[in-house]
Amino acid sequence: MKIEKKYAKKDKWILRFTGISPAIINGLRRAIIAETPTMAIDEVEIIKNSSAMYDEILAHRLGLIVLRTDLDSYVEPEKCTCGGVGCAKCTVELTLKAVGPGYVYASQLQSKDPKIKPVYGDTPIVYLEEGQEIELIAYARLGRGKQHAKWSPGHVWYKLLGAGEDLESIRKAEQKGEYEVYLESWGQLKPKEILEQAVIQLLDGLKEFKSMLKTA
């Protein structure tokens, strides 16, 4: 198998794979979307909210804010020694306090860990009229796209090169195994980190499957 980088910018990569099966390339795509862990707000404690926006809608918006992710410093809640209750190993606390009038933006979230912060600070959260205010504590944790789309690290798709519209040419192209993979990161992780994590998750899955076969 051969991998060639065709295009690479900050959050977008195009790779060409040669000599790879469709099962493996699709497995990589699925691992990127569903298995690569990223950080997102998962719980919100609303202390004060006199805006026109319901608490649950406000919490939903906060959950969709893209956060920079540091995989070296945190573990997933279910793997943490605290049992997922929430500690410094698996949870980051972000606070928000704002008074109207005006828009409240993602950049106003104050994180206890400067490495875990909104990627796009100009993302609007809510508009406050004169005299309205919000105060809350948000808790961010690692999760995976298979749990909720807010944890998906980006968008990825691929195309089979050299294939025509007839079945025979598609079969020949699949035997050659040449694909172009398009990967666009949302910003939580760099494209290289996403690919590395996807491969790690695939290998971990195979190890688990091998272990299950031994005990079957």
N, C-alpha and C. Protein backbone atom coordinates (compact mmCIF):
# COMPACT_ATOMS: atom_id res chain seq x y z
N MET A 1 0.84 -1.20 0.00
CA MET A 1 0.00 0.00 0.00
C MET A 1 0.88 1.25 0.00
N LYS A 2 0.42 2.26 -0.72
CA LYS A 2 1.15 3.51 -0.83
C LYS A 2 0.21 4.68 -0.49
N ILE A 3 0.72 5.66 0.25
CA ILE A 3 -0.07 6.85 0.61
C ILE A 3 0.69 8.08 0.12
N GLU A 4 -0.03 8.93 -0.62
CA GLU A 4 0.57 10.15 -1.17
C GLU A 4 -0.30 11.35 -0.78
N LYS A 5 0.35 12.38 -0.26
CA LYS A 5 -0.37 13.59 0.11
C LYS A 5 -0.48 14.49 -1.13
N LYS A 6 -1.71 14.72 -1.57
CA LYS A 6 -1.95 15.52 -2.77
C LYS A 6 -2.18 17.00 -2.46
N TYR A 7 -2.74 17.26 -1.29
CA TYR A 7 -3.08 18.63 -0.90
C TYR A 7 -3.12 18.70 0.61
N ALA A 8 -2.54 19.74 1.16
CA ALA A 8 -2.53 19.87 2.62
C ALA A 8 -2.51 21.33 3.02
N LYS A 9 -3.56 21.75 3.69
CA LYS A 9 -3.61 23.07 4.30
C LYS A 9 -4.02 22.88 5.75
N LYS A 10 -4.24 23.96 6.45
CA LYS A 10 -4.47 23.92 7.89
C LYS A 10 -5.48 22.85 8.32
N ASP A 11 -6.68 22.87 7.75
CA ASP A 11 -7.73 21.96 8.19
C ASP A 11 -8.26 21.05 7.09
N LYS A 12 -7.56 20.99 5.97
CA LYS A 12 -8.03 20.15 4.87
C LYS A 12 -6.89 19.40 4.20
N TRP A 13 -7.07 18.09 4.07
CA TRP A 13 -6.08 17.24 3.41
C TRP A 13 -6.76 16.43 2.31
N ILE A 14 -6.00 16.17 1.24
CA ILE A 14 -6.42 15.22 0.21
C ILE A 14 -5.30 14.20 0.07
N LEU A 15 -5.63 12.95 0.29
CA LEU A 15 -4.64 11.87 0.24
C LEU A 15 -5.00 10.88 -0.86
N ARG A 16 -3.98 10.31 -1.49
CA ARG A 16 -4.21 9.25 -2.48
C ARG A 16 -3.67 7.94 -1.94
N PHE A 17 -4.55 6.97 -1.83
CA PHE A 17 -4.17 5.62 -1.38
C PHE A 17 -4.12 4.69 -2.59
N THR A 18 -3.06 3.93 -2.68
CA THR A 18 -2.92 2.95 -3.77
C THR A 18 -2.68 1.57 -3.17
N GLY A 19 -3.38 0.57 -3.73
CA GLY A 19 -3.22 -0.80 -3.25
C GLY A 19 -3.94 -1.07 -1.94
N ILE A 20 -5.14 -0.51 -1.79
CA ILE A 20 -5.92 -0.68 -0.57
C ILE A 20 -7.32 -1.20 -0.93
N SER A 21 -7.90 -2.00 -0.06
CA SER A 21 -9.22 -2.58 -0.34
C SER A 21 -10.32 -1.59 0.03
N PRO A 22 -11.49 -1.69 -0.64
CA PRO A 22 -12.60 -0.80 -0.29
C PRO A 22 -13.06 -0.96 1.16
N ALA A 23 -12.92 -2.17 1.70
CA ALA A 23 -13.34 -2.42 3.09
C ALA A 23 -12.48 -1.61 4.06
N ILE A 24 -11.17 -1.56 3.81
CA ILE A 24 -10.26 -0.85 4.70
C ILE A 24 -10.45 0.66 4.58
N ILE A 25 -10.59 1.16 3.36
CA ILE A 25 -10.76 2.60 3.18
C ILE A 25 -12.07 3.09 3.79
N ASN A 26 -13.11 2.26 3.68
CA ASN A 26 -14.38 2.63 4.29
C ASN A 26 -14.33 2.50 5.81
N GLY A 27 -13.57 1.52 6.28
CA GLY A 27 -13.38 1.37 7.72
C GLY A 27 -12.67 2.57 8.31
N LEU A 28 -11.69 3.11 7.57
CA LEU A 28 -10.98 4.30 8.01
C LEU A 28 -11.93 5.50 8.05
N ARG A 29 -12.77 5.62 7.04
CA ARG A 29 -13.75 6.72 7.00
C ARG A 29 -14.68 6.65 8.20
N ARG A 30 -15.19 5.47 8.49
CA ARG A 30 -16.12 5.30 9.61
C ARG A 30 -15.42 5.57 10.95
N ALA A 31 -14.16 5.16 11.07
CA ALA A 31 -13.42 5.39 12.31
C ALA A 31 -13.18 6.88 12.54
N ILE A 32 -12.94 7.62 11.47
CA ILE A 32 -12.74 9.07 11.59
C ILE A 32 -14.02 9.73 12.10
N ILE A 33 -15.14 9.41 11.49
CA ILE A 33 -16.40 10.06 11.81
C ILE A 33 -16.94 9.64 13.18
N ALA A 34 -16.86 8.36 13.47
CA ALA A 34 -17.57 7.82 14.63
C ALA A 34 -16.71 7.44 15.83
N GLU A 35 -15.41 7.21 15.64
CA GLU A 35 -14.60 6.65 16.72
C GLU A 35 -13.50 7.56 17.25
N THR A 36 -13.18 8.63 16.52
CA THR A 36 -12.10 9.52 16.96
C THR A 36 -12.59 10.45 18.07
N PRO A 37 -12.02 10.39 19.26
CA PRO A 37 -12.50 11.21 20.39
C PRO A 37 -12.13 12.68 20.25
N THR A 38 -13.07 13.55 20.61
CA THR A 38 -12.83 15.00 20.67
C THR A 38 -13.54 15.54 21.91
N MET A 39 -13.26 16.79 22.22
CA MET A 39 -13.85 17.44 23.39
C MET A 39 -15.07 18.27 22.98
N ALA A 40 -16.15 18.18 23.77
CA ALA A 40 -17.34 19.00 23.55
C ALA A 40 -18.06 19.19 24.88
N ILE A 41 -18.82 20.27 24.97
CA ILE A 41 -19.61 20.52 26.17
C ILE A 41 -20.73 19.50 26.26
N ASP A 42 -20.80 18.83 27.40
CA ASP A 42 -21.74 17.72 27.56
C ASP A 42 -22.77 17.96 28.67
N GLU A 43 -22.50 18.93 29.51
CA GLU A 43 -23.41 19.24 30.63
C GLU A 43 -23.33 20.73 30.93
N VAL A 44 -24.48 21.33 31.23
CA VAL A 44 -24.52 22.77 31.51
C VAL A 44 -25.33 23.01 32.78
N GLU A 45 -24.74 23.75 33.68
CA GLU A 45 -25.43 24.17 34.91
C GLU A 45 -25.78 25.65 34.76
N ILE A 46 -27.05 25.94 34.55
CA ILE A 46 -27.48 27.31 34.32
C ILE A 46 -27.86 27.96 35.65
N ILE A 47 -27.12 28.97 36.02
CA ILE A 47 -27.35 29.68 37.28
C ILE A 47 -28.39 30.78 37.09
N LYS A 48 -28.28 31.47 35.96
CA LYS A 48 -29.21 32.56 35.67
C LYS A 48 -29.41 32.67 34.16
N ASN A 49 -30.66 32.80 33.73
CA ASN A 49 -30.96 32.98 32.31
C ASN A 49 -32.26 33.77 32.17
N SER A 50 -32.13 35.06 31.93
CA SER A 50 -33.32 35.89 31.71
C SER A 50 -33.48 36.28 30.25
N SER A 51 -32.76 35.55 29.36
CA SER A 51 -32.87 35.81 27.93
C SER A 51 -34.17 35.22 27.39
N ALA A 52 -34.42 35.44 26.11
CA ALA A 52 -35.62 34.89 25.47
C ALA A 52 -35.43 33.43 25.08
N MET A 53 -34.22 32.91 25.26
CA MET A 53 -33.92 31.55 24.84
C MET A 53 -34.12 30.57 26.00
N TYR A 54 -34.84 29.47 25.73
CA TYR A 54 -35.06 28.43 26.74
C TYR A 54 -33.73 27.81 27.17
N ASP A 55 -33.68 27.35 28.42
CA ASP A 55 -32.46 26.76 28.97
C ASP A 55 -31.94 25.61 28.10
N GLU A 56 -32.85 24.73 27.66
CA GLU A 56 -32.41 23.55 26.90
C GLU A 56 -31.86 23.92 25.53
N ILE A 57 -32.39 24.99 24.91
CA ILE A 57 -31.86 25.44 23.62
C ILE A 57 -30.48 26.07 23.81
N LEU A 58 -30.33 26.82 24.88
CA LEU A 58 -29.05 27.43 25.21
C LEU A 58 -28.00 26.34 25.44
N ALA A 59 -28.36 25.31 26.18
CA ALA A 59 -27.43 24.20 26.44
C ALA A 59 -27.07 23.47 25.16
N HIS A 60 -28.06 23.30 24.27
CA HIS A 60 -27.82 22.63 22.99
C HIS A 60 -26.82 23.43 22.14
N ARG A 61 -26.98 24.72 22.10
CA ARG A 61 -26.05 25.57 21.35
C ARG A 61 -24.64 25.48 21.90
N LEU A 62 -24.52 25.47 23.21
CA LEU A 62 -23.21 25.36 23.83
C LEU A 62 -22.54 24.03 23.47
N GLY A 63 -23.34 22.97 23.40
CA GLY A 63 -22.81 21.66 23.06
C GLY A 63 -22.23 21.59 21.66
N LEU A 64 -22.73 22.43 20.76
CA LEU A 64 -22.28 22.41 19.37
C LEU A 64 -21.09 23.33 19.10
N ILE A 65 -20.64 24.06 20.13
CA ILE A 65 -19.46 24.92 19.95
C ILE A 65 -18.21 24.04 19.80
N VAL A 66 -17.44 24.28 18.76
CA VAL A 66 -16.24 23.48 18.48
C VAL A 66 -15.12 23.87 19.44
N LEU A 67 -14.58 22.89 20.17
CA LEU A 67 -13.52 23.14 21.15
C LEU A 67 -12.21 22.49 20.73
N ARG A 68 -11.13 23.23 20.91
CA ARG A 68 -9.80 22.62 20.73
C ARG A 68 -9.68 21.42 21.67
N THR A 69 -9.01 20.39 21.19
CA THR A 69 -8.93 19.14 21.97
C THR A 69 -7.49 18.76 22.25
N ASP A 70 -7.24 18.36 23.50
CA ASP A 70 -5.92 17.90 23.92
C ASP A 70 -6.07 16.45 24.39
N LEU A 71 -5.76 15.53 23.51
CA LEU A 71 -5.95 14.11 23.83
C LEU A 71 -4.89 13.56 24.78
N ASP A 72 -3.79 14.28 24.94
CA ASP A 72 -2.73 13.80 25.83
C ASP A 72 -3.04 14.07 27.30
N SER A 73 -3.91 15.03 27.57
CA SER A 73 -4.16 15.44 28.95
C SER A 73 -5.45 14.89 29.54
N TYR A 74 -6.32 14.32 28.71
CA TYR A 74 -7.64 13.89 29.20
C TYR A 74 -7.97 12.48 28.74
N VAL A 75 -8.83 11.83 29.50
CA VAL A 75 -9.32 10.49 29.15
C VAL A 75 -10.84 10.56 29.04
N GLU A 76 -11.41 9.59 28.36
CA GLU A 76 -12.87 9.54 28.24
C GLU A 76 -13.47 9.21 29.60
N PRO A 77 -14.63 9.77 29.93
CA PRO A 77 -15.23 9.59 31.26
C PRO A 77 -15.35 8.14 31.70
N GLU A 78 -15.75 7.26 30.77
CA GLU A 78 -15.93 5.85 31.15
C GLU A 78 -14.62 5.14 31.43
N LYS A 79 -13.49 5.74 31.03
CA LYS A 79 -12.18 5.15 31.29
C LYS A 79 -11.47 5.83 32.46
N CYS A 80 -12.09 6.84 33.03
CA CYS A 80 -11.46 7.62 34.10
C CYS A 80 -11.59 6.92 35.45
N THR A 81 -10.63 7.18 36.33
CA THR A 81 -10.64 6.59 37.67
C THR A 81 -11.81 7.10 38.51
N CYS A 82 -12.39 8.24 38.13
CA CYS A 82 -13.52 8.78 38.89
C CYS A 82 -14.83 8.11 38.50
N GLY A 83 -14.77 7.23 37.49
CA GLY A 83 -15.97 6.53 37.06
C GLY A 83 -16.92 7.39 36.26
N GLY A 84 -16.42 8.51 35.72
CA GLY A 84 -17.25 9.38 34.91
C GLY A 84 -18.02 10.42 35.69
N VAL A 85 -17.77 10.50 36.98
CA VAL A 85 -18.45 11.51 37.81
C VAL A 85 -18.02 12.92 37.40
N GLY A 86 -16.74 13.06 37.05
CA GLY A 86 -16.22 14.35 36.62
C GLY A 86 -15.07 14.80 37.49
N CYS A 87 -13.85 14.77 36.94
CA CYS A 87 -12.67 15.22 37.66
C CYS A 87 -11.73 15.90 36.68
N ALA A 88 -10.59 16.35 37.16
CA ALA A 88 -9.65 17.08 36.30
C ALA A 88 -9.05 16.22 35.20
N LYS A 89 -9.16 14.90 35.33
CA LYS A 89 -8.62 14.00 34.31
C LYS A 89 -9.55 13.83 33.12
N CYS A 90 -10.84 14.08 33.32
CA CYS A 90 -11.80 13.81 32.24
C CYS A 90 -12.75 14.97 31.95
N THR A 91 -12.71 16.03 32.74
CA THR A 91 -13.67 17.11 32.59
C THR A 91 -13.00 18.47 32.64
N VAL A 92 -13.45 19.37 31.77
CA VAL A 92 -12.97 20.76 31.77
C VAL A 92 -14.16 21.67 32.06
N GLU A 93 -13.95 22.60 32.97
CA GLU A 93 -15.02 23.53 33.34
C GLU A 93 -14.85 24.86 32.60
N LEU A 94 -15.95 25.32 31.99
CA LEU A 94 -15.97 26.61 31.32
C LEU A 94 -17.11 27.44 31.91
N THR A 95 -16.85 28.70 32.17
CA THR A 95 -17.87 29.56 32.76
C THR A 95 -18.24 30.68 31.78
N LEU A 96 -19.46 31.17 31.93
CA LEU A 96 -19.94 32.25 31.07
C LEU A 96 -20.85 33.16 31.89
N LYS A 97 -20.55 34.46 31.84
CA LYS A 97 -21.37 35.44 32.53
C LYS A 97 -21.46 36.67 31.63
N ALA A 98 -22.67 37.08 31.26
CA ALA A 98 -22.84 38.20 30.35
C ALA A 98 -24.13 38.96 30.67
N VAL A 99 -24.09 40.26 30.41
CA VAL A 99 -25.24 41.13 30.63
C VAL A 99 -25.51 41.91 29.34
N GLY A 100 -26.80 42.05 28.97
CA GLY A 100 -27.17 42.76 27.77
C GLY A 100 -27.07 44.27 27.91
N PRO A 101 -27.24 45.00 26.81
CA PRO A 101 -27.65 44.48 25.50
C PRO A 101 -26.46 44.02 24.65
N GLY A 102 -26.74 43.14 23.70
CA GLY A 102 -25.72 42.70 22.75
C GLY A 102 -25.65 41.19 22.61
N TYR A 103 -24.89 40.75 21.63
CA TYR A 103 -24.70 39.32 21.39
C TYR A 103 -23.68 38.75 22.38
N VAL A 104 -23.87 37.51 22.73
CA VAL A 104 -22.91 36.76 23.54
C VAL A 104 -22.22 35.78 22.60
N TYR A 105 -20.89 35.80 22.59
CA TYR A 105 -20.13 34.97 21.66
C TYR A 105 -19.35 33.87 22.38
N ALA A 106 -18.95 32.87 21.60
CA ALA A 106 -18.20 31.73 22.15
C ALA A 106 -16.90 32.18 22.81
N SER A 107 -16.30 33.24 22.31
CA SER A 107 -15.03 33.73 22.87
C SER A 107 -15.17 34.20 24.32
N GLN A 108 -16.42 34.42 24.77
CA GLN A 108 -16.64 34.87 26.14
C GLN A 108 -16.64 33.72 27.15
N LEU A 109 -16.61 32.50 26.66
CA LEU A 109 -16.49 31.35 27.55
C LEU A 109 -15.10 31.34 28.17
N GLN A 110 -15.03 31.23 29.46
CA GLN A 110 -13.76 31.22 30.19
C GLN A 110 -13.44 29.78 30.62
N SER A 111 -12.39 29.21 30.03
CA SER A 111 -12.02 27.83 30.32
C SER A 111 -10.96 27.76 31.40
N LYS A 112 -11.07 26.75 32.27
CA LYS A 112 -10.05 26.53 33.30
C LYS A 112 -8.76 25.97 32.70
N ASP A 113 -8.86 25.44 31.49
CA ASP A 113 -7.68 24.95 30.76
C ASP A 113 -7.56 25.76 29.48
N PRO A 114 -6.52 26.61 29.36
CA PRO A 114 -6.37 27.45 28.17
C PRO A 114 -6.22 26.68 26.87
N LYS A 115 -5.89 25.38 26.96
CA LYS A 115 -5.76 24.58 25.74
C LYS A 115 -7.12 24.10 25.24
N ILE A 116 -8.13 24.13 26.10
CA ILE A 116 -9.48 23.72 25.71
C ILE A 116 -10.34 24.98 25.61
N LYS A 117 -10.47 25.48 24.40
CA LYS A 117 -11.22 26.72 24.20
C LYS A 117 -11.90 26.69 22.82
N PRO A 118 -12.89 27.55 22.60
CA PRO A 118 -13.59 27.56 21.31
C PRO A 118 -12.65 27.84 20.14
N VAL A 119 -12.83 27.08 19.07
CA VAL A 119 -12.04 27.26 17.86
C VAL A 119 -12.48 28.53 17.13
N TYR A 120 -13.78 28.73 17.08
CA TYR A 120 -14.34 29.88 16.38
C TYR A 120 -14.99 30.81 17.40
N GLY A 121 -14.20 31.77 17.87
CA GLY A 121 -14.65 32.66 18.94
C GLY A 121 -15.81 33.55 18.56
N ASP A 122 -16.02 33.78 17.25
CA ASP A 122 -17.10 34.67 16.82
C ASP A 122 -18.43 33.94 16.62
N THR A 123 -18.52 32.69 17.11
CA THR A 123 -19.78 31.96 17.04
C THR A 123 -20.79 32.58 18.01
N PRO A 124 -21.93 33.09 17.53
CA PRO A 124 -22.92 33.69 18.43
C PRO A 124 -23.67 32.64 19.23
N ILE A 125 -23.88 32.90 20.50
CA ILE A 125 -24.62 31.97 21.37
C ILE A 125 -26.05 32.46 21.59
N VAL A 126 -26.19 33.71 21.99
CA VAL A 126 -27.53 34.25 22.28
C VAL A 126 -27.46 35.78 22.23
N TYR A 127 -28.60 36.41 21.98
CA TYR A 127 -28.67 37.88 22.03
C TYR A 127 -29.40 38.28 23.31
N LEU A 128 -28.82 39.22 24.02
CA LEU A 128 -29.41 39.70 25.27
C LEU A 128 -29.93 41.13 25.09
N GLU A 129 -31.18 41.33 25.48
CA GLU A 129 -31.75 42.67 25.49
C GLU A 129 -31.27 43.43 26.73
N GLU A 130 -31.56 44.69 26.78
CA GLU A 130 -31.20 45.52 27.94
C GLU A 130 -31.75 44.90 29.23
N GLY A 131 -30.87 44.70 30.19
CA GLY A 131 -31.27 44.16 31.48
C GLY A 131 -31.28 42.64 31.55
N GLN A 132 -31.19 41.96 30.41
CA GLN A 132 -31.15 40.49 30.42
C GLN A 132 -29.72 40.01 30.71
N GLU A 133 -29.61 38.84 31.32
CA GLU A 133 -28.29 38.30 31.63
C GLU A 133 -28.30 36.78 31.69
N ILE A 134 -27.14 36.22 31.51
CA ILE A 134 -26.97 34.77 31.67
C ILE A 134 -25.72 34.51 32.50
N GLU A 135 -25.77 33.46 33.27
CA GLU A 135 -24.62 32.99 34.05
C GLU A 135 -24.71 31.48 34.11
N LEU A 136 -23.63 30.81 33.75
CA LEU A 136 -23.67 29.35 33.70
C LEU A 136 -22.28 28.74 33.84
N ILE A 137 -22.26 27.44 34.12
CA ILE A 137 -21.04 26.64 34.14
C ILE A 137 -21.25 25.49 33.17
N ALA A 138 -20.33 25.33 32.23
CA ALA A 138 -20.41 24.26 31.25
C ALA A 138 -19.28 23.26 31.49
N TYR A 139 -19.57 22.00 31.28
CA TYR A 139 -18.59 20.94 31.51
C TYR A 139 -18.33 20.21 30.20
N ALA A 140 -17.07 20.26 29.75
CA ALA A 140 -16.69 19.61 28.49
C ALA A 140 -15.99 18.29 28.77
N ARG A 141 -16.31 17.30 27.94
CA ARG A 141 -15.72 15.96 28.11
C ARG A 141 -15.41 15.36 26.74
N LEU A 142 -14.55 14.35 26.74
CA LEU A 142 -14.26 13.62 25.51
C LEU A 142 -15.42 12.70 25.16
N GLY A 143 -15.68 12.59 23.88
CA GLY A 143 -16.71 11.68 23.40
C GLY A 143 -16.44 11.33 21.95
N ARG A 144 -17.31 10.53 21.36
CA ARG A 144 -17.13 10.07 19.97
C ARG A 144 -18.37 10.34 19.14
N GLY A 145 -18.14 10.47 17.85
CA GLY A 145 -19.23 10.78 16.94
C GLY A 145 -20.37 9.78 16.96
N LYS A 146 -20.10 8.52 17.33
CA LYS A 146 -21.16 7.52 17.40
C LYS A 146 -22.12 7.81 18.55
N GLN A 147 -21.66 8.62 19.53
CA GLN A 147 -22.53 9.00 20.64
C GLN A 147 -23.38 10.22 20.28
N HIS A 148 -22.74 11.19 19.61
CA HIS A 148 -23.43 12.42 19.19
C HIS A 148 -22.56 13.11 18.15
N ALA A 149 -23.19 13.74 17.16
CA ALA A 149 -22.46 14.39 16.08
C ALA A 149 -21.55 15.52 16.57
N LYS A 150 -21.83 16.09 17.75
CA LYS A 150 -21.00 17.19 18.25
C LYS A 150 -19.57 16.73 18.53
N TRP A 151 -19.36 15.42 18.68
CA TRP A 151 -18.02 14.90 18.93
C TRP A 151 -17.31 14.45 17.66
N SER A 152 -17.95 14.54 16.53
CA SER A 152 -17.31 14.14 15.28
C SER A 152 -16.24 15.16 14.92
N PRO A 153 -15.02 14.73 14.55
CA PRO A 153 -13.91 15.66 14.35
C PRO A 153 -13.89 16.37 13.00
N GLY A 154 -14.71 15.91 12.06
CA GLY A 154 -14.68 16.54 10.75
C GLY A 154 -15.51 15.79 9.73
N HIS A 155 -15.28 16.15 8.48
CA HIS A 155 -16.01 15.54 7.37
C HIS A 155 -15.01 14.79 6.50
N VAL A 156 -15.34 13.58 6.09
CA VAL A 156 -14.43 12.78 5.27
C VAL A 156 -15.22 11.99 4.24
N TRP A 157 -14.70 11.94 3.04
CA TRP A 157 -15.30 11.12 1.99
C TRP A 157 -14.19 10.68 1.04
N TYR A 158 -14.48 9.72 0.18
CA TYR A 158 -13.47 9.23 -0.75
C TYR A 158 -14.10 8.88 -2.09
N LYS A 159 -13.26 8.79 -3.10
CA LYS A 159 -13.74 8.36 -4.41
C LYS A 159 -12.76 7.36 -5.00
N LEU A 160 -13.32 6.40 -5.73
CA LEU A 160 -12.54 5.37 -6.39
C LEU A 160 -12.05 5.92 -7.73
N LEU A 161 -10.75 5.91 -7.94
CA LEU A 161 -10.19 6.46 -9.17
C LEU A 161 -10.17 5.42 -10.28
N GLY A 162 -10.39 5.88 -11.50
CA GLY A 162 -10.32 5.01 -12.68
C GLY A 162 -11.55 4.17 -12.94
N ALA A 163 -12.62 4.42 -12.23
CA ALA A 163 -13.84 3.62 -12.41
C ALA A 163 -14.81 4.33 -13.35
N GLY A 164 -15.39 3.58 -14.26
CA GLY A 164 -16.42 4.11 -15.15
C GLY A 164 -17.80 3.84 -14.57
N GLU A 165 -18.79 3.88 -15.41
CA GLU A 165 -20.16 3.67 -14.94
C GLU A 165 -20.57 2.20 -15.00
N ASP A 166 -19.85 1.38 -15.77
CA ASP A 166 -20.21 -0.04 -15.88
C ASP A 166 -19.57 -0.84 -14.76
N LEU A 167 -20.19 -1.95 -14.42
CA LEU A 167 -19.77 -2.78 -13.29
C LEU A 167 -18.37 -3.35 -13.48
N GLU A 168 -18.03 -3.71 -14.70
CA GLU A 168 -16.72 -4.32 -14.96
C GLU A 168 -15.58 -3.34 -14.68
N SER A 169 -15.75 -2.09 -15.11
CA SER A 169 -14.69 -1.10 -14.88
C SER A 169 -14.56 -0.77 -13.40
N ILE A 170 -15.67 -0.83 -12.68
CA ILE A 170 -15.64 -0.59 -11.24
C ILE A 170 -14.86 -1.70 -10.54
N ARG A 171 -15.11 -2.95 -10.98
CA ARG A 171 -14.40 -4.09 -10.40
C ARG A 171 -12.90 -4.00 -10.65
N LYS A 172 -12.52 -3.61 -11.86
CA LYS A 172 -11.10 -3.48 -12.19
C LYS A 172 -10.44 -2.37 -11.36
N ALA A 173 -11.18 -1.27 -11.19
CA ALA A 173 -10.65 -0.16 -10.40
C ALA A 173 -10.49 -0.57 -8.94
N GLU A 174 -11.42 -1.34 -8.43
CA GLU A 174 -11.34 -1.82 -7.04
C GLU A 174 -10.15 -2.75 -6.86
N GLN A 175 -9.84 -3.56 -7.87
CA GLN A 175 -8.69 -4.46 -7.80
C GLN A 175 -7.38 -3.67 -7.75
N LYS A 176 -7.36 -2.56 -8.49
CA LYS A 176 -6.18 -1.70 -8.46
C LYS A 176 -6.08 -0.99 -7.11
N GLY A 177 -7.24 -0.66 -6.54
CA GLY A 177 -7.28 -0.09 -5.19
C GLY A 177 -6.71 1.30 -5.07
N GLU A 178 -7.11 2.20 -5.98
CA GLU A 178 -6.62 3.57 -5.91
C GLU A 178 -7.77 4.51 -5.54
N TYR A 179 -7.60 5.20 -4.41
CA TYR A 179 -8.65 6.07 -3.88
C TYR A 179 -8.08 7.44 -3.51
N GLU A 180 -8.91 8.44 -3.65
CA GLU A 180 -8.59 9.76 -3.11
C GLU A 180 -9.49 10.01 -1.92
N VAL A 181 -8.87 10.36 -0.79
CA VAL A 181 -9.60 10.60 0.44
C VAL A 181 -9.56 12.09 0.76
N TYR A 182 -10.73 12.68 0.98
CA TYR A 182 -10.84 14.09 1.30
C TYR A 182 -11.21 14.23 2.78
N LEU A 183 -10.36 14.89 3.53
CA LEU A 183 -10.57 15.05 4.97
C LEU A 183 -10.58 16.53 5.34
N GLU A 184 -11.66 16.97 5.95
CA GLU A 184 -11.76 18.36 6.41
C GLU A 184 -12.05 18.36 7.91
N SER A 185 -11.13 18.92 8.68
CA SER A 185 -11.28 18.98 10.14
C SER A 185 -12.17 20.14 10.52
N TRP A 186 -13.00 19.94 11.57
CA TRP A 186 -13.79 21.05 12.11
C TRP A 186 -12.94 21.97 12.97
N GLY A 187 -11.77 21.50 13.37
CA GLY A 187 -10.86 22.34 14.15
C GLY A 187 -10.47 21.81 15.52
N GLN A 188 -11.17 20.77 16.00
CA GLN A 188 -10.80 20.22 17.31
C GLN A 188 -9.40 19.61 17.28
N LEU A 189 -9.11 18.90 16.19
CA LEU A 189 -7.82 18.25 15.98
C LEU A 189 -7.31 18.58 14.59
N LYS A 190 -6.01 18.48 14.40
CA LYS A 190 -5.43 18.66 13.07
C LYS A 190 -5.70 17.40 12.24
N PRO A 191 -5.73 17.51 10.89
CA PRO A 191 -5.98 16.34 10.05
C PRO A 191 -5.07 15.15 10.35
N LYS A 192 -3.78 15.43 10.61
CA LYS A 192 -2.85 14.34 10.93
C LYS A 192 -3.26 13.63 12.22
N GLU A 193 -3.67 14.41 13.23
CA GLU A 193 -4.10 13.83 14.50
C GLU A 193 -5.35 12.98 14.31
N ILE A 194 -6.26 13.45 13.48
CA ILE A 194 -7.49 12.70 13.21
C ILE A 194 -7.17 11.35 12.58
N LEU A 195 -6.30 11.35 11.58
CA LEU A 195 -5.92 10.10 10.91
C LEU A 195 -5.22 9.15 11.87
N GLU A 196 -4.32 9.68 12.68
CA GLU A 196 -3.59 8.84 13.65
C GLU A 196 -4.56 8.20 14.65
N GLN A 197 -5.50 9.00 15.15
CA GLN A 197 -6.46 8.48 16.12
C GLN A 197 -7.39 7.46 15.49
N ALA A 198 -7.77 7.68 14.23
CA ALA A 198 -8.65 6.73 13.54
C ALA A 198 -7.97 5.37 13.39
N VAL A 199 -6.69 5.39 13.06
CA VAL A 199 -5.93 4.14 12.92
C VAL A 199 -5.82 3.44 14.27
N ILE A 200 -5.56 4.22 15.33
CA ILE A 200 -5.47 3.66 16.68
C ILE A 200 -6.78 2.97 17.06
N GLN A 201 -7.91 3.62 16.76
CA GLN A 201 -9.21 3.05 17.09
C GLN A 201 -9.48 1.78 16.29
N LEU A 202 -9.06 1.76 15.02
CA LEU A 202 -9.23 0.56 14.19
C LEU A 202 -8.42 -0.61 14.76
N LEU A 203 -7.18 -0.34 15.13
CA LEU A 203 -6.32 -1.39 15.68
C LEU A 203 -6.84 -1.89 17.03
N ASP A 204 -7.34 -0.97 17.86
CA ASP A 204 -7.91 -1.37 19.14
C ASP A 204 -9.14 -2.25 18.94
N GLY A 205 -9.93 -1.91 17.94
CA GLY A 205 -11.11 -2.72 17.63
C GLY A 205 -10.74 -4.12 17.18
N LEU A 206 -9.68 -4.24 16.40
CA LEU A 206 -9.22 -5.55 15.93
C LEU A 206 -8.67 -6.38 17.08
N LYS A 207 -7.95 -5.71 18.01
CA LYS A 207 -7.43 -6.42 19.18
C LYS A 207 -8.57 -6.96 20.04
N GLU A 208 -9.61 -6.15 20.20
CA GLU A 208 -10.76 -6.58 20.98
C GLU A 208 -11.47 -7.75 20.31
N PHE A 209 -11.58 -7.68 18.98
CA PHE A 209 -12.22 -8.76 18.21
C PHE A 209 -11.41 -10.06 18.33
N LYS A 210 -10.09 -9.93 18.27
CA LYS A 210 -9.20 -11.10 18.41
C LYS A 210 -9.37 -11.73 19.78
N SER A 211 -9.46 -10.89 20.80
CA SER A 211 -9.64 -11.37 22.17
C SER A 211 -10.97 -12.11 22.34
N MET A 212 -12.01 -11.57 21.70
CA MET A 212 -13.33 -12.20 21.78
C MET A 212 -13.34 -13.57 21.10
N LEU A 213 -12.58 -13.68 20.00
CA LEU A 213 -12.51 -14.97 19.28
C LEU A 213 -11.83 -16.04 20.14
N LYS A 214 -10.85 -15.62 20.93
CA LYS A 214 -10.12 -16.58 21.77
C LYS A 214 -11.02 -17.17 22.87
N THR A 215 -11.95 -16.36 23.34
CA THR A 215 -12.82 -16.81 24.42
C THR A 215 -14.16 -17.37 23.92
N ALA A 216 -14.35 -17.32 22.60
CA ALA A 216 -15.64 -17.80 22.04
C ALA A 216 -15.73 -19.32 22.10
